[in-house]
């Protein structure tokens, strides 16, 4: 039994080695919902969701449709230069 089903899905791949969290350094997301795709569900959809065990071959073809640079962080750099603080005056109360 050999059958083949082609499914075309579109996702946004974001590669950001400077991301704060490891899971955001390489993220694949749906372009409208921003959900991460579950590949097992996509494969189940391709075989018709029929119960059973399947040995499957998966061909992945990647076409770059558009590339956008990573936006610079909105963080403001902190100036950590040394600040000299004058000692507080002590006044005696009578």
N, C-alpha and C. Protein backbone atom coordinates (compact mmCIF):
# COMPACT_ATOMS: atom_id res chain seq x y z
N UNK A 1 0.85 -1.18 0.00
CA UNK A 1 0.00 0.00 0.00
C UNK A 1 0.89 1.24 0.00
N UNK A 2 0.93 1.91 -1.08
CA UNK A 2 1.72 3.13 -1.15
C UNK A 2 0.85 4.22 -1.73
N UNK A 3 0.65 5.25 -0.94
CA UNK A 3 -0.09 6.41 -1.43
C UNK A 3 0.64 7.65 -0.97
N UNK A 4 0.38 8.72 -1.66
CA UNK A 4 1.09 9.95 -1.35
C UNK A 4 0.08 11.09 -1.31
N UNK A 5 0.22 11.95 -0.33
CA UNK A 5 -0.65 13.10 -0.19
C UNK A 5 0.22 14.32 0.02
N UNK A 6 0.09 15.29 -0.84
CA UNK A 6 0.87 16.52 -0.70
C UNK A 6 0.04 17.55 0.04
N UNK A 7 0.64 18.16 1.03
CA UNK A 7 -0.01 19.21 1.81
C UNK A 7 0.91 20.42 1.79
N UNK A 8 0.37 21.57 1.44
CA UNK A 8 1.15 22.80 1.47
C UNK A 8 0.66 23.64 2.64
N UNK A 9 1.56 23.93 3.55
CA UNK A 9 1.27 24.79 4.70
C UNK A 9 2.27 25.92 4.70
N UNK A 10 1.87 27.05 5.21
CA UNK A 10 2.77 28.21 5.29
C UNK A 10 3.01 28.54 6.75
N UNK A 11 4.28 28.77 7.07
CA UNK A 11 4.67 29.12 8.44
C UNK A 11 5.73 30.20 8.39
N UNK A 12 5.90 30.87 9.51
CA UNK A 12 6.96 31.87 9.66
C UNK A 12 8.05 31.21 10.51
N UNK A 13 9.25 31.17 9.97
CA UNK A 13 10.40 30.66 10.70
C UNK A 13 11.18 31.85 11.21
N UNK A 14 11.38 31.91 12.52
CA UNK A 14 12.12 33.00 13.13
C UNK A 14 13.39 32.43 13.74
N UNK A 15 14.54 32.85 13.22
CA UNK A 15 15.84 32.45 13.75
C UNK A 15 16.45 33.67 14.44
N UNK A 16 16.59 33.58 15.75
CA UNK A 16 17.11 34.70 16.53
C UNK A 16 18.04 34.16 17.61
N UNK A 17 19.34 34.05 17.30
CA UNK A 17 20.27 33.51 18.28
C UNK A 17 20.39 34.36 19.55
N UNK A 18 19.94 35.60 19.51
CA UNK A 18 20.03 36.47 20.69
C UNK A 18 18.73 36.47 21.50
N UNK A 19 17.79 35.61 21.18
CA UNK A 19 16.52 35.58 21.92
C UNK A 19 16.77 35.25 23.39
N UNK A 20 15.93 35.78 24.24
CA UNK A 20 16.10 35.60 25.68
C UNK A 20 15.92 34.14 26.07
N UNK A 21 14.95 33.44 25.46
CA UNK A 21 14.67 32.05 25.80
C UNK A 21 15.12 31.13 24.68
N UNK A 22 15.64 29.97 25.04
CA UNK A 22 16.16 29.02 24.06
C UNK A 22 15.09 28.61 23.05
N UNK A 23 13.84 28.43 23.50
CA UNK A 23 12.79 27.97 22.61
C UNK A 23 12.37 29.03 21.59
N UNK A 24 12.79 30.27 21.79
CA UNK A 24 12.49 31.33 20.82
C UNK A 24 13.63 31.58 19.84
N UNK A 25 14.73 30.85 19.99
CA UNK A 25 15.87 31.06 19.09
C UNK A 25 15.61 30.48 17.71
N UNK A 26 14.81 29.44 17.64
CA UNK A 26 14.42 28.83 16.36
C UNK A 26 12.95 28.48 16.51
N UNK A 27 12.07 29.33 15.99
CA UNK A 27 10.63 29.14 16.20
C UNK A 27 9.90 29.08 14.86
N UNK A 28 9.04 28.09 14.73
CA UNK A 28 8.18 27.93 13.56
C UNK A 28 6.76 28.22 14.02
N UNK A 29 6.11 29.19 13.38
CA UNK A 29 4.77 29.61 13.81
C UNK A 29 3.84 29.81 12.63
N UNK A 30 2.55 29.64 12.91
CA UNK A 30 1.52 29.91 11.91
C UNK A 30 1.48 31.42 11.68
N UNK A 31 1.41 31.89 10.43
CA UNK A 31 1.50 33.33 10.17
C UNK A 31 0.33 34.16 10.69
N UNK A 32 -0.82 33.55 10.91
CA UNK A 32 -1.99 34.31 11.38
C UNK A 32 -2.22 34.12 12.88
N UNK A 33 -2.16 32.87 13.35
CA UNK A 33 -2.48 32.60 14.75
C UNK A 33 -1.25 32.59 15.66
N UNK A 34 -0.05 32.54 15.08
CA UNK A 34 1.23 32.47 15.80
C UNK A 34 1.37 31.18 16.60
N UNK A 35 0.51 30.20 16.36
CA UNK A 35 0.64 28.91 17.03
C UNK A 35 1.78 28.13 16.43
N UNK A 36 2.41 27.31 17.26
CA UNK A 36 3.46 26.43 16.78
C UNK A 36 2.80 25.17 16.21
N UNK A 37 3.21 24.76 15.01
CA UNK A 37 2.56 23.59 14.41
C UNK A 37 2.97 22.30 15.11
N UNK A 38 2.03 21.40 15.22
CA UNK A 38 2.33 20.07 15.74
C UNK A 38 2.45 19.17 14.52
N UNK A 39 3.66 18.78 14.20
CA UNK A 39 3.91 18.03 12.97
C UNK A 39 3.20 16.69 12.96
N UNK A 40 3.06 16.02 14.09
CA UNK A 40 2.36 14.73 14.13
C UNK A 40 0.91 14.89 13.69
N UNK A 41 0.26 15.97 14.07
CA UNK A 41 -1.13 16.20 13.66
C UNK A 41 -1.22 16.46 12.16
N UNK A 42 -0.23 17.18 11.63
CA UNK A 42 -0.22 17.43 10.19
C UNK A 42 -0.05 16.14 9.40
N UNK A 43 0.80 15.25 9.91
CA UNK A 43 1.01 13.97 9.24
C UNK A 43 -0.24 13.10 9.36
N UNK A 44 -0.90 13.11 10.51
CA UNK A 44 -2.14 12.36 10.68
C UNK A 44 -3.20 12.85 9.71
N UNK A 45 -3.25 14.15 9.51
CA UNK A 45 -4.19 14.74 8.55
C UNK A 45 -3.87 14.23 7.13
N UNK A 46 -2.59 14.09 6.82
CA UNK A 46 -2.18 13.65 5.49
C UNK A 46 -2.57 12.19 5.21
N UNK A 47 -2.60 11.36 6.25
CA UNK A 47 -2.99 9.96 6.05
C UNK A 47 -4.48 9.74 6.28
N UNK A 48 -5.21 10.81 6.49
CA UNK A 48 -6.66 10.71 6.61
C UNK A 48 -7.17 10.40 8.00
N UNK A 49 -6.32 10.49 8.99
CA UNK A 49 -6.69 10.26 10.39
C UNK A 49 -7.32 8.88 10.62
N UNK A 50 -6.99 7.92 9.77
CA UNK A 50 -7.49 6.55 9.94
C UNK A 50 -6.68 5.85 11.02
N UNK A 51 -7.34 5.13 11.94
CA UNK A 51 -6.61 4.41 12.99
C UNK A 51 -5.63 3.40 12.38
N UNK A 52 -4.50 3.22 13.02
CA UNK A 52 -3.50 2.27 12.56
C UNK A 52 -2.11 2.81 12.78
N UNK A 53 -1.13 1.98 12.51
CA UNK A 53 0.27 2.39 12.58
C UNK A 53 0.79 2.52 11.17
N UNK A 54 1.50 3.59 10.92
CA UNK A 54 1.97 3.89 9.58
C UNK A 54 3.48 4.09 9.59
N UNK A 55 4.14 3.51 8.62
CA UNK A 55 5.52 3.84 8.36
C UNK A 55 5.46 4.89 7.26
N UNK A 56 5.92 6.10 7.56
CA UNK A 56 5.76 7.19 6.60
C UNK A 56 7.11 7.77 6.21
N UNK A 57 7.18 8.25 5.01
CA UNK A 57 8.33 9.02 4.54
C UNK A 57 7.85 10.45 4.39
N UNK A 58 8.63 11.37 4.90
CA UNK A 58 8.22 12.77 4.88
C UNK A 58 9.24 13.56 4.07
N UNK A 59 8.77 14.22 3.03
CA UNK A 59 9.61 15.09 2.22
C UNK A 59 9.32 16.53 2.62
N UNK A 60 10.36 17.26 2.96
CA UNK A 60 10.19 18.66 3.33
C UNK A 60 10.85 19.51 2.26
N UNK A 61 10.06 20.37 1.66
CA UNK A 61 10.58 21.32 0.68
C UNK A 61 10.36 22.71 1.24
N UNK A 62 11.42 23.45 1.35
CA UNK A 62 11.34 24.79 1.93
C UNK A 62 11.57 25.81 0.83
N UNK A 63 10.64 26.74 0.70
CA UNK A 63 10.76 27.85 -0.24
C UNK A 63 10.69 29.13 0.57
N UNK A 64 11.69 29.98 0.43
CA UNK A 64 11.66 31.27 1.13
C UNK A 64 10.81 32.22 0.30
N UNK A 65 9.70 32.64 0.87
CA UNK A 65 8.78 33.54 0.17
C UNK A 65 9.11 35.00 0.45
N UNK A 66 9.64 35.27 1.63
CA UNK A 66 10.00 36.64 2.02
C UNK A 66 10.94 36.56 3.21
N UNK A 67 11.87 37.50 3.30
CA UNK A 67 12.78 37.55 4.44
C UNK A 67 12.72 38.94 5.04
N UNK A 68 12.58 38.98 6.36
CA UNK A 68 12.56 40.26 7.08
C UNK A 68 13.63 40.20 8.15
N UNK A 69 14.34 41.30 8.36
CA UNK A 69 15.36 41.32 9.42
C UNK A 69 14.71 41.26 10.79
N UNK A 70 15.47 40.80 11.76
CA UNK A 70 14.97 40.75 13.13
C UNK A 70 14.95 42.16 13.68
N UNK A 71 13.83 42.54 14.28
CA UNK A 71 13.70 43.88 14.86
C UNK A 71 14.65 44.01 16.05
N UNK A 72 15.24 45.18 16.17
CA UNK A 72 16.13 45.43 17.30
C UNK A 72 15.30 45.51 18.57
N UNK A 73 15.89 45.11 19.64
CA UNK A 73 15.21 45.10 20.92
C UNK A 73 14.84 46.53 21.34
N UNK A 74 13.72 46.65 22.03
CA UNK A 74 13.27 47.95 22.51
C UNK A 74 13.89 48.29 23.87
N UNK A 75 14.85 47.53 24.28
CA UNK A 75 15.48 47.79 25.58
C UNK A 75 16.34 49.04 25.51
N UNK A 76 16.33 49.77 26.58
CA UNK A 76 17.14 50.98 26.69
C UNK A 76 18.40 50.60 27.46
N UNK A 77 19.58 50.88 26.92
CA UNK A 77 20.80 50.52 27.66
C UNK A 77 20.93 51.36 28.92
N UNK A 78 21.40 50.72 29.97
CA UNK A 78 21.58 51.41 31.24
C UNK A 78 22.98 51.97 31.32
N UNK A 79 23.09 53.19 31.81
CA UNK A 79 24.39 53.81 32.02
C UNK A 79 24.77 53.55 33.47
N UNK A 80 25.74 52.69 33.67
CA UNK A 80 26.11 52.30 35.02
C UNK A 80 27.38 53.00 35.50
N UNK A 81 27.54 54.25 35.11
CA UNK A 81 28.72 55.00 35.56
C UNK A 81 28.58 55.31 37.05
N UNK A 82 29.70 55.50 37.68
CA UNK A 82 29.70 55.76 39.12
C UNK A 82 29.20 57.18 39.40
N UNK A 83 28.32 57.27 40.36
CA UNK A 83 27.76 58.56 40.76
C UNK A 83 28.22 58.83 42.19
N UNK A 84 28.81 59.99 42.40
CA UNK A 84 29.26 60.35 43.74
C UNK A 84 28.11 61.03 44.47
N UNK A 85 27.79 60.50 45.63
CA UNK A 85 26.70 61.05 46.43
C UNK A 85 27.30 61.78 47.61
N UNK A 86 26.86 63.01 47.82
CA UNK A 86 27.36 63.80 48.95
C UNK A 86 26.80 63.22 50.24
N UNK A 87 27.60 63.17 51.30
CA UNK A 87 27.10 62.63 52.57
C UNK A 87 25.98 63.51 53.12
N UNK A 88 25.03 62.87 53.75
CA UNK A 88 23.88 63.59 54.31
C UNK A 88 24.34 64.40 55.51
N UNK A 89 23.76 65.59 55.69
CA UNK A 89 24.10 66.47 56.82
C UNK A 89 23.31 66.01 58.03
N UNK A 90 24.00 66.01 59.11
CA UNK A 90 23.31 65.67 60.36
C UNK A 90 23.03 66.96 61.12
N UNK A 91 21.82 67.16 61.43
CA UNK A 91 21.46 68.36 62.22
C UNK A 91 21.01 67.91 63.60
N UNK A 92 21.40 68.64 64.57
CA UNK A 92 21.01 68.33 65.94
C UNK A 92 19.76 69.13 66.29
N UNK A 93 18.87 68.46 66.89
CA UNK A 93 17.66 69.12 67.33
C UNK A 93 17.85 69.52 68.78
N UNK A 94 17.41 70.71 69.17
CA UNK A 94 17.59 71.16 70.53
C UNK A 94 16.44 70.78 71.39
